[in-house]
Amino acid sequence: MRTRAHIIVNGDVQGVFFRQETKQRAEAHDVRGWIRNRNDGTVEAVFEGEEQDVKALIDFSKRGPSRAAVTNVDVKLEAYTGEYKGFKIRYT
């Protein structure tokens, strides 16, 4: 079953390769969507794919890369849209 998750990650999550490592894991799991840094210091992402693969990305986001210090992850599950062709890092 395919699903979509929209997440906001709080903590020390910028400048620690969070976006790059998430992109690598998303591609390994065939998860599509995007990730970006937000002005408030959080990281925002949308994951689309098979339920177990999206869950793997959410689980990774709860700990992040080794230099991250995640304090909270807000997860909103949404209906799968299939609108993404790959996984991208957004810079806006």
PDB file of N, CA and C in Angstrom:
ATOM      1  N   MET A   1       0.832  -1.174   0.000  1.00  0.00           N
ATOM      2  CA  MET A   1       0.000   0.000   0.000  1.00  0.00           C
ATOM      3  C   MET A   1       0.881   1.242   0.000  1.00  0.00           C
ATOM      4  N   ARG A   2       0.566   2.191  -0.845  1.00  0.00           N
ATOM      5  CA  ARG A   2       1.343   3.426  -0.925  1.00  0.00           C
ATOM      6  C   ARG A   2       0.758   4.489  -0.013  1.00  0.00           C
ATOM      7  N   THR A   3       1.656   5.321   0.508  1.00  0.00           N
ATOM      8  CA  THR A   3       1.235   6.364   1.422  1.00  0.00           C
ATOM      9  C   THR A   3       2.100   7.601   1.240  1.00  0.00           C
ATOM     10  N   ARG A   4       1.726   8.646   1.947  1.00  0.00           N
ATOM     11  CA  ARG A   4       2.453   9.918   1.907  1.00  0.00           C
ATOM     12  C   ARG A   4       2.539  10.435   3.335  1.00  0.00           C
ATOM     13  N   ALA A   5       3.702  10.976   3.693  1.00  0.00           N
ATOM     14  CA  ALA A   5       3.889  11.595   5.002  1.00  0.00           C
ATOM     15  C   ALA A   5       4.511  12.966   4.814  1.00  0.00           C
ATOM     16  N   HIS A   6       3.981  13.942   5.532  1.00  0.00           N
ATOM     17  CA  HIS A   6       4.520  15.301   5.566  1.00  0.00           C
ATOM     18  C   HIS A   6       5.068  15.487   6.968  1.00  0.00           C
ATOM     19  N   ILE A   7       6.367  15.747   7.087  1.00  0.00           N
ATOM     20  CA  ILE A   7       6.982  15.807   8.411  1.00  0.00           C
ATOM     21  C   ILE A   7       7.707  17.133   8.645  1.00  0.00           C
ATOM     22  N   ILE A   8       7.780  17.500   9.922  1.00  0.00           N
ATOM     23  CA  ILE A   8       8.587  18.622  10.383  1.00  0.00           C
ATOM     24  C   ILE A   8       9.488  18.070  11.494  1.00  0.00           C
ATOM     25  N   VAL A   9      10.800  18.263  11.334  1.00  0.00           N
ATOM     26  CA  VAL A   9      11.774  17.742  12.287  1.00  0.00           C
ATOM     27  C   VAL A   9      12.367  18.911  13.073  1.00  0.00           C
ATOM     28  N   ASN A  10      12.285  18.824  14.399  1.00  0.00           N
ATOM     29  CA  ASN A  10      12.808  19.853  15.292  1.00  0.00           C
ATOM     30  C   ASN A  10      14.073  19.372  15.980  1.00  0.00           C
ATOM     31  N   GLY A  11      14.907  20.332  16.375  1.00  0.00           N
ATOM     32  CA  GLY A  11      16.138  20.032  17.099  1.00  0.00           C
ATOM     33  C   GLY A  11      17.319  20.648  16.382  1.00  0.00           C
ATOM     34  N   ASP A  12      18.495  20.102  16.640  1.00  0.00           N
ATOM     35  CA  ASP A  12      19.710  20.534  15.948  1.00  0.00           C
ATOM     36  C   ASP A  12      19.800  19.702  14.667  1.00  0.00           C
ATOM     37  N   VAL A  13      19.114  20.172  13.622  1.00  0.00           N
ATOM     38  CA  VAL A  13      18.944  19.364  12.413  1.00  0.00           C
ATOM     39  C   VAL A  13      19.421  20.060  11.136  1.00  0.00           C
ATOM     40  N   GLN A  14      19.952  21.262  11.264  1.00  0.00           N
ATOM     41  CA  GLN A  14      20.510  21.946  10.095  1.00  0.00           C
ATOM     42  C   GLN A  14      22.027  22.012  10.236  1.00  0.00           C
ATOM     43  N   GLY A  15      22.722  21.885   9.103  1.00  0.00           N
ATOM     44  CA  GLY A  15      24.178  21.910   9.120  1.00  0.00           C
ATOM     45  C   GLY A  15      24.797  20.606   9.593  1.00  0.00           C
ATOM     46  N   VAL A  16      24.018  19.523   9.582  1.00  0.00           N
ATOM     47  CA  VAL A  16      24.507  18.213  10.043  1.00  0.00           C
ATOM     48  C   VAL A  16      24.290  17.131   8.978  1.00  0.00           C
ATOM     49  N   PHE A  17      24.101  17.545   7.723  1.00  0.00           N
ATOM     50  CA  PHE A  17      23.892  16.644   6.580  1.00  0.00           C
ATOM     51  C   PHE A  17      22.569  15.889   6.642  1.00  0.00           C
ATOM     52  N   PHE A  18      21.581  16.464   7.321  1.00  0.00           N
ATOM     53  CA  PHE A  18      20.275  15.825   7.441  1.00  0.00           C
ATOM     54  C   PHE A  18      19.624  15.632   6.074  1.00  0.00           C
ATOM     55  N   ARG A  19      19.609  16.682   5.267  1.00  0.00           N
ATOM     56  CA  ARG A  19      18.960  16.585   3.953  1.00  0.00           C
ATOM     57  C   ARG A  19      19.670  15.586   3.049  1.00  0.00           C
ATOM     58  N   GLN A  20      20.993  15.635   3.026  1.00  0.00           N
ATOM     59  CA  GLN A  20      21.742  14.743   2.142  1.00  0.00           C
ATOM     60  C   GLN A  20      21.564  13.280   2.521  1.00  0.00           C
ATOM     61  N   GLU A  21      21.645  12.976   3.817  1.00  0.00           N
ATOM     62  CA  GLU A  21      21.480  11.582   4.237  1.00  0.00           C
ATOM     63  C   GLU A  21      20.054  11.089   4.017  1.00  0.00           C
ATOM     64  N   THR A  22      19.089  11.971   4.229  1.00  0.00           N
ATOM     65  CA  THR A  22      17.698  11.586   3.982  1.00  0.00           C
ATOM     66  C   THR A  22      17.495  11.297   2.500  1.00  0.00           C
ATOM     67  N   LYS A  23      18.069  12.120   1.632  1.00  0.00           N
ATOM     68  CA  LYS A  23      17.949  11.903   0.188  1.00  0.00           C
ATOM     69  C   LYS A  23      18.544  10.555  -0.206  1.00  0.00           C
ATOM     70  N   GLN A  24      19.705  10.224   0.327  1.00  0.00           N
ATOM     71  CA  GLN A  24      20.331   8.933   0.013  1.00  0.00           C
ATOM     72  C   GLN A  24      19.447   7.767   0.456  1.00  0.00           C
ATOM     73  N   ARG A  25      18.886   7.872   1.639  1.00  0.00           N
ATOM     74  CA  ARG A  25      18.022   6.804   2.155  1.00  0.00           C
ATOM     75  C   ARG A  25      16.715   6.728   1.363  1.00  0.00           C
ATOM     76  N   ALA A  26      16.179   7.878   0.988  1.00  0.00           N
ATOM     77  CA  ALA A  26      14.949   7.895   0.191  1.00  0.00           C
ATOM     78  C   ALA A  26      15.177   7.189  -1.138  1.00  0.00           C
ATOM     79  N   GLU A  27      16.294   7.489  -1.783  1.00  0.00           N
ATOM     80  CA  GLU A  27      16.589   6.850  -3.064  1.00  0.00           C
ATOM     81  C   GLU A  27      16.797   5.348  -2.895  1.00  0.00           C
ATOM     82  N   ALA A  28      17.429   4.933  -1.816  1.00  0.00           N
ATOM     83  CA  ALA A  28      17.647   3.503  -1.560  1.00  0.00           C
ATOM     84  C   ALA A  28      16.328   2.768  -1.321  1.00  0.00           C
ATOM     85  N   HIS A  29      15.335   3.477  -0.770  1.00  0.00           N
ATOM     86  CA  HIS A  29      14.023   2.879  -0.483  1.00  0.00           C
ATOM     87  C   HIS A  29      12.990   3.164  -1.577  1.00  0.00           C
ATOM     88  N   ASP A  30      13.411   3.816  -2.653  1.00  0.00           N
ATOM     89  CA  ASP A  30      12.500   4.206  -3.732  1.00  0.00           C
ATOM     90  C   ASP A  30      11.354   5.079  -3.208  1.00  0.00           C
ATOM     91  N   VAL A  31      11.691   5.971  -2.278  1.00  0.00           N
ATOM     92  CA  VAL A  31      10.736   6.947  -1.758  1.00  0.00           C
ATOM     93  C   VAL A  31      10.931   8.236  -2.538  1.00  0.00           C
ATOM     94  N   ARG A  32       9.825   8.840  -2.914  1.00  0.00           N
ATOM     95  CA  ARG A  32       9.863  10.076  -3.699  1.00  0.00           C
ATOM     96  C   ARG A  32       9.358  11.229  -2.855  1.00  0.00           C
ATOM     97  N   GLY A  33       9.699  12.449  -3.278  1.00  0.00           N
ATOM     98  CA  GLY A  33       9.257  13.633  -2.560  1.00  0.00           C
ATOM     99  C   GLY A  33      10.347  14.669  -2.488  1.00  0.00           C
ATOM    100  N   TRP A  34      10.466  15.334  -1.329  1.00  0.00           N
ATOM    101  CA  TRP A  34      11.437  16.410  -1.180  1.00  0.00           C
ATOM    102  C   TRP A  34      11.748  16.661   0.293  1.00  0.00           C
ATOM    103  N   ILE A  35      12.819  17.429   0.513  1.00  0.00           N
ATOM    104  CA  ILE A  35      13.220  17.842   1.856  1.00  0.00           C
ATOM    105  C   ILE A  35      13.826  19.227   1.755  1.00  0.00           C
ATOM    106  N   ARG A  36      13.644  20.042   2.811  1.00  0.00           N
ATOM    107  CA  ARG A  36      14.219  21.387   2.810  1.00  0.00           C
ATOM    108  C   ARG A  36      14.438  21.875   4.237  1.00  0.00           C
ATOM    109  N   ASN A  37      15.394  22.800   4.376  1.00  0.00           N
ATOM    110  CA  ASN A  37      15.571  23.535   5.622  1.00  0.00           C
ATOM    111  C   ASN A  37      14.566  24.664   5.642  1.00  0.00           C
ATOM    112  N   ARG A  38      14.033  24.943   6.821  1.00  0.00           N
ATOM    113  CA  ARG A  38      13.118  26.076   6.977  1.00  0.00           C
ATOM    114  C   ARG A  38      13.812  27.179   7.777  1.00  0.00           C
ATOM    115  N   ASN A  39      13.330  28.397   7.615  1.00  0.00           N
ATOM    116  CA  ASN A  39      13.937  29.552   8.280  1.00  0.00           C
ATOM    117  C   ASN A  39      13.910  29.454   9.800  1.00  0.00           C
ATOM    118  N   ASP A  40      12.987  28.683  10.355  1.00  0.00           N
ATOM    119  CA  ASP A  40      12.875  28.568  11.811  1.00  0.00           C
ATOM    120  C   ASP A  40      13.813  27.518  12.414  1.00  0.00           C
ATOM    121  N   GLY A  41      14.696  26.933  11.591  1.00  0.00           N
ATOM    122  CA  GLY A  41      15.665  25.955  12.075  1.00  0.00           C
ATOM    123  C   GLY A  41      15.210  24.515  11.989  1.00  0.00           C
ATOM    124  N   THR A  42      13.997  24.287  11.539  1.00  0.00           N
ATOM    125  CA  THR A  42      13.491  22.925  11.379  1.00  0.00           C
ATOM    126  C   THR A  42      13.786  22.416   9.971  1.00  0.00           C
ATOM    127  N   VAL A  43      13.539  21.138   9.779  1.00  0.00           N
ATOM    128  CA  VAL A  43      13.618  20.510   8.458  1.00  0.00           C
ATOM    129  C   VAL A  43      12.222  19.990   8.133  1.00  0.00           C
ATOM    130  N   GLU A  44      11.788  20.227   6.902  1.00  0.00           N
ATOM    131  CA  GLU A  44      10.473  19.791   6.434  1.00  0.00           C
ATOM    132  C   GLU A  44      10.664  18.828   5.274  1.00  0.00           C
ATOM    133  N   ALA A  45       9.840  17.798   5.214  1.00  0.00           N
ATOM    134  CA  ALA A  45       9.947  16.827   4.126  1.00  0.00           C
ATOM    135  C   ALA A  45       8.595  16.225   3.796  1.00  0.00           C
ATOM    136  N   VAL A  46       8.491  15.765   2.556  1.00  0.00           N
ATOM    137  CA  VAL A  46       7.347  14.970   2.103  1.00  0.00           C
ATOM    138  C   VAL A  46       7.913  13.682   1.537  1.00  0.00           C
ATOM    139  N   PHE A  47       7.403  12.545   2.040  1.00  0.00           N
ATOM    140  CA  PHE A  47       7.806  11.227   1.568  1.00  0.00           C
ATOM    141  C   PHE A  47       6.608  10.542   0.939  1.00  0.00           C
ATOM    142  N   GLU A  48       6.801   9.964  -0.239  1.00  0.00           N
ATOM    143  CA  GLU A  48       5.762   9.152  -0.881  1.00  0.00           C
ATOM    144  C   GLU A  48       6.351   7.831  -1.328  1.00  0.00           C
ATOM    145  N   GLY A  49       5.625   6.759  -1.065  1.00  0.00           N
ATOM    146  CA  GLY A  49       6.079   5.445  -1.498  1.00  0.00           C
ATOM    147  C   GLY A  49       5.322   4.354  -0.791  1.00  0.00           C
ATOM    148  N   GLU A  50       5.887   3.151  -0.856  1.00  0.00           N
ATOM    149  CA  GLU A  50       5.287   2.026  -0.155  1.00  0.00           C
ATOM    150  C   GLU A  50       5.333   2.303   1.348  1.00  0.00           C
ATOM    151  N   GLU A  51       4.294   1.880   2.033  1.00  0.00           N
ATOM    152  CA  GLU A  51       4.135   2.204   3.453  1.00  0.00           C
ATOM    153  C   GLU A  51       5.374   1.869   4.284  1.00  0.00           C
ATOM    154  N   GLN A  52       5.953   0.673   4.096  1.00  0.00           N
ATOM    155  CA  GLN A  52       7.105   0.277   4.903  1.00  0.00           C
ATOM    156  C   GLN A  52       8.330   1.140   4.592  1.00  0.00           C
ATOM    157  N   ASP A  53       8.458   1.599   3.354  1.00  0.00           N
ATOM    158  CA  ASP A  53       9.587   2.448   2.985  1.00  0.00           C
ATOM    159  C   ASP A  53       9.436   3.856   3.550  1.00  0.00           C
ATOM    160  N   VAL A  54       8.229   4.396   3.508  1.00  0.00           N
ATOM    161  CA  VAL A  54       7.965   5.707   4.108  1.00  0.00           C
ATOM    162  C   VAL A  54       8.198   5.630   5.614  1.00  0.00           C
ATOM    163  N   LYS A  55       7.759   4.544   6.238  1.00  0.00           N
ATOM    164  CA  LYS A  55       7.976   4.368   7.672  1.00  0.00           C
ATOM    165  C   LYS A  55       9.466   4.332   7.991  1.00  0.00           C
ATOM    166  N   ALA A  56      10.263   3.693   7.143  1.00  0.00           N
ATOM    167  CA  ALA A  56      11.718   3.651   7.365  1.00  0.00           C
ATOM    168  C   ALA A  56      12.315   5.059   7.344  1.00  0.00           C
ATOM    169  N   LEU A  57      11.822   5.918   6.453  1.00  0.00           N
ATOM    170  CA  LEU A  57      12.314   7.303   6.393  1.00  0.00           C
ATOM    171  C   LEU A  57      11.858   8.098   7.610  1.00  0.00           C
ATOM    172  N   ILE A  58      10.637   7.867   8.058  1.00  0.00           N
ATOM    173  CA  ILE A  58      10.155   8.538   9.277  1.00  0.00           C
ATOM    174  C   ILE A  58      11.003   8.100  10.469  1.00  0.00           C
ATOM    175  N   ASP A  59      11.282   6.812  10.572  1.00  0.00           N
ATOM    176  CA  ASP A  59      12.103   6.301  11.673  1.00  0.00           C
ATOM    177  C   ASP A  59      13.500   6.916  11.636  1.00  0.00           C
ATOM    178  N   PHE A  60      14.095   7.023  10.450  1.00  0.00           N
ATOM    179  CA  PHE A  60      15.403   7.671  10.336  1.00  0.00           C
ATOM    180  C   PHE A  60      15.315   9.128  10.783  1.00  0.00           C
ATOM    181  N   SER A  61      14.251   9.812  10.398  1.00  0.00           N
ATOM    182  CA  SER A  61      14.087  11.224  10.745  1.00  0.00           C
ATOM    183  C   SER A  61      13.995  11.440  12.250  1.00  0.00           C
ATOM    184  N   LYS A  62      13.558  10.441  12.981  1.00  0.00           N
ATOM    185  CA  LYS A  62      13.445  10.563  14.439  1.00  0.00           C
ATOM    186  C   LYS A  62      14.804  10.556  15.133  1.00  0.00           C
ATOM    187  N   ARG A  63      15.847  10.088  14.436  1.00  0.00           N
ATOM    188  CA  ARG A  63      17.196  10.109  15.005  1.00  0.00           C
ATOM    189  C   ARG A  63      18.144  10.958  14.159  1.00  0.00           C
ATOM    190  N   GLY A  64      17.969  10.944  12.832  1.00  0.00           N
ATOM    191  CA  GLY A  64      18.797  11.735  11.932  1.00  0.00           C
ATOM    192  C   GLY A  64      20.207  11.201  11.821  1.00  0.00           C
ATOM    193  N   PRO A  65      21.054  11.927  11.099  1.00  0.00           N
ATOM    194  CA  PRO A  65      22.451  11.522  10.987  1.00  0.00           C
ATOM    195  C   PRO A  65      23.172  11.677  12.331  1.00  0.00           C
ATOM    196  N   SER A  66      24.392  11.178  12.419  1.00  0.00           N
ATOM    197  CA  SER A  66      25.096  11.097  13.704  1.00  0.00           C
ATOM    198  C   SER A  66      25.276  12.450  14.394  1.00  0.00           C
ATOM    199  N   ARG A  67      25.414  13.532  13.661  1.00  0.00           N
ATOM    200  CA  ARG A  67      25.631  14.846  14.282  1.00  0.00           C
ATOM    201  C   ARG A  67      24.330  15.565  14.638  1.00  0.00           C
ATOM    202  N   ALA A  68      23.198  15.015  14.280  1.00  0.00           N
ATOM    203  CA  ALA A  68      21.907  15.650  14.576  1.00  0.00           C
ATOM    204  C   ALA A  68      21.487  15.356  16.015  1.00  0.00           C
ATOM    205  N   ALA A  69      20.643  16.248  16.531  1.00  0.00           N
ATOM    206  CA  ALA A  69      20.031  16.041  17.846  1.00  0.00           C
ATOM    207  C   ALA A  69      18.542  16.339  17.687  1.00  0.00           C
ATOM    208  N   VAL A  70      17.788  15.327  17.274  1.00  0.00           N
ATOM    209  CA  VAL A  70      16.355  15.485  17.009  1.00  0.00           C
ATOM    210  C   VAL A  70      15.609  15.516  18.334  1.00  0.00           C
ATOM    211  N   THR A  71      14.734  16.530  18.479  1.00  0.00           N
ATOM    212  CA  THR A  71      13.932  16.632  19.705  1.00  0.00           C
ATOM    213  C   THR A  71      12.479  16.249  19.468  1.00  0.00           C
ATOM    214  N   ASN A  72      11.993  16.388  18.234  1.00  0.00           N
ATOM    215  CA  ASN A  72      10.598  16.054  17.947  1.00  0.00           C
ATOM    216  C   ASN A  72      10.415  15.929  16.438  1.00  0.00           C
ATOM    217  N   VAL A  73       9.517  15.041  16.045  1.00  0.00           N
ATOM    218  CA  VAL A  73       9.121  14.916  14.636  1.00  0.00           C
ATOM    219  C   VAL A  73       7.604  14.919  14.581  1.00  0.00           C
ATOM    220  N   ASP A  74       7.056  15.925  13.915  1.00  0.00           N
ATOM    221  CA  ASP A  74       5.614  15.977  13.681  1.00  0.00           C
ATOM    222  C   ASP A  74       5.347  15.264  12.361  1.00  0.00           C
ATOM    223  N   VAL A  75       4.480  14.268  12.383  1.00  0.00           N
ATOM    224  CA  VAL A  75       4.175  13.472  11.199  1.00  0.00           C
ATOM    225  C   VAL A  75       2.698  13.611  10.875  1.00  0.00           C
ATOM    226  N   LYS A  76       2.407  13.995   9.647  1.00  0.00           N
ATOM    227  CA  LYS A  76       1.029  14.050   9.167  1.00  0.00           C
ATOM    228  C   LYS A  76       0.922  13.081   7.987  1.00  0.00           C
ATOM    229  N   LEU A  77       0.160  12.013   8.160  1.00  0.00           N
ATOM    230  CA  LEU A  77      -0.054  11.063   7.073  1.00  0.00           C
ATOM    231  C   LEU A  77      -1.123  11.612   6.141  1.00  0.00           C
ATOM    232  N   GLU A  78      -0.877  11.503   4.849  1.00  0.00           N
ATOM    233  CA  GLU A  78      -1.777  12.051   3.838  1.00  0.00           C
ATOM    234  C   GLU A  78      -2.018  11.004   2.756  1.00  0.00           C
ATOM    235  N   ALA A  79      -2.943  11.301   1.875  1.00  0.00           N
ATOM    236  CA  ALA A  79      -3.228  10.402   0.755  1.00  0.00           C
ATOM    237  C   ALA A  79      -2.095  10.465  -0.269  1.00  0.00           C
ATOM    238  N   TYR A  80      -1.711   9.311  -0.769  1.00  0.00           N
ATOM    239  CA  TYR A  80      -0.681   9.212  -1.801  1.00  0.00           C
ATOM    240  C   TYR A  80      -1.166   9.917  -3.065  1.00  0.00           C
ATOM    241  N   THR A  81      -0.285  10.720  -3.675  1.00  0.00           N
ATOM    242  CA  THR A  81      -0.659  11.430  -4.902  1.00  0.00           C
ATOM    243  C   THR A  81       0.116  10.957  -6.126  1.00  0.00           C
ATOM    244  N   GLY A  82       1.324  10.453  -5.940  1.00  0.00           N
ATOM    245  CA  GLY A  82       2.146  10.034  -7.065  1.00  0.00           C
ATOM    246  C   GLY A  82       2.680  11.184  -7.895  1.00  0.00           C
ATOM    247  N   GLU A  83       2.716  12.380  -7.325  1.00  0.00           N
ATOM    248  CA  GLU A  83       3.101  13.565  -8.102  1.00  0.00           C
ATOM    249  C   GLU A  83       4.604  13.743  -8.284  1.00  0.00           C
ATOM    250  N   TYR A  84       5.424  13.008  -7.539  1.00  0.00           N
ATOM    251  CA  TYR A  84       6.873  13.207  -7.598  1.00  0.00           C
ATOM    252  C   TYR A  84       7.549  12.135  -8.455  1.00  0.00           C
ATOM    253  N   LYS A  85       8.575  12.555  -9.186  1.00  0.00           N
ATOM    254  CA  LYS A  85       9.304  11.627 -10.053  1.00  0.00           C
ATOM    255  C   LYS A  85      10.580  11.103  -9.385  1.00  0.00           C
ATOM    256  N   GLY A  86      11.018  11.739  -8.344  1.00  0.00           N
ATOM    257  CA  GLY A  86      12.225  11.343  -7.623  1.00  0.00           C
ATOM    258  C   GLY A  86      12.210  11.998  -6.260  1.00  0.00           C
ATOM    259  N   PHE A  87      13.396  12.099  -5.639  1.00  0.00           N
ATOM    260  CA  PHE A  87      13.499  12.763  -4.350  1.00  0.00           C
ATOM    261  C   PHE A  87      14.480  13.908  -4.488  1.00  0.00           C
ATOM    262  N   LYS A  88      14.069  15.117  -4.097  1.00  0.00           N
ATOM    263  CA  LYS A  88      14.891  16.304  -4.303  1.00  0.00           C
ATOM    264  C   LYS A  88      15.114  17.056  -3.003  1.00  0.00           C
ATOM    265  N   ILE A  89      16.259  17.714  -2.936  1.00  0.00           N
ATOM    266  CA  ILE A  89      16.511  18.684  -1.890  1.00  0.00           C
ATOM    267  C   ILE A  89      16.059  20.023  -2.430  1.00  0.00           C
ATOM    268  N   ARG A  90      15.167  20.681  -1.701  1.00  0.00           N
ATOM    269  CA  ARG A  90      14.686  22.006  -2.090  1.00  0.00           C
ATOM    270  C   ARG A  90      15.499  23.062  -1.344  1.00  0.00           C
ATOM    271  N   TYR A  91      15.711  24.171  -2.025  1.00  0.00           N
ATOM    272  CA  TYR A  91      16.496  25.260  -1.429  1.00  0.00           C
ATOM    273  C   TYR A  91      15.664  26.520  -1.261  1.00  0.00           C
ATOM    274  N   THR A  92      14.343  26.405  -1.327  1.00  0.00           N
ATOM    275  CA  THR A  92      13.468  27.578  -1.128  1.00  0.00           C
ATOM    276  C   THR A  92      12.458  27.291  -0.059  1.00  0.00           C
TER     277      THR A  92
END
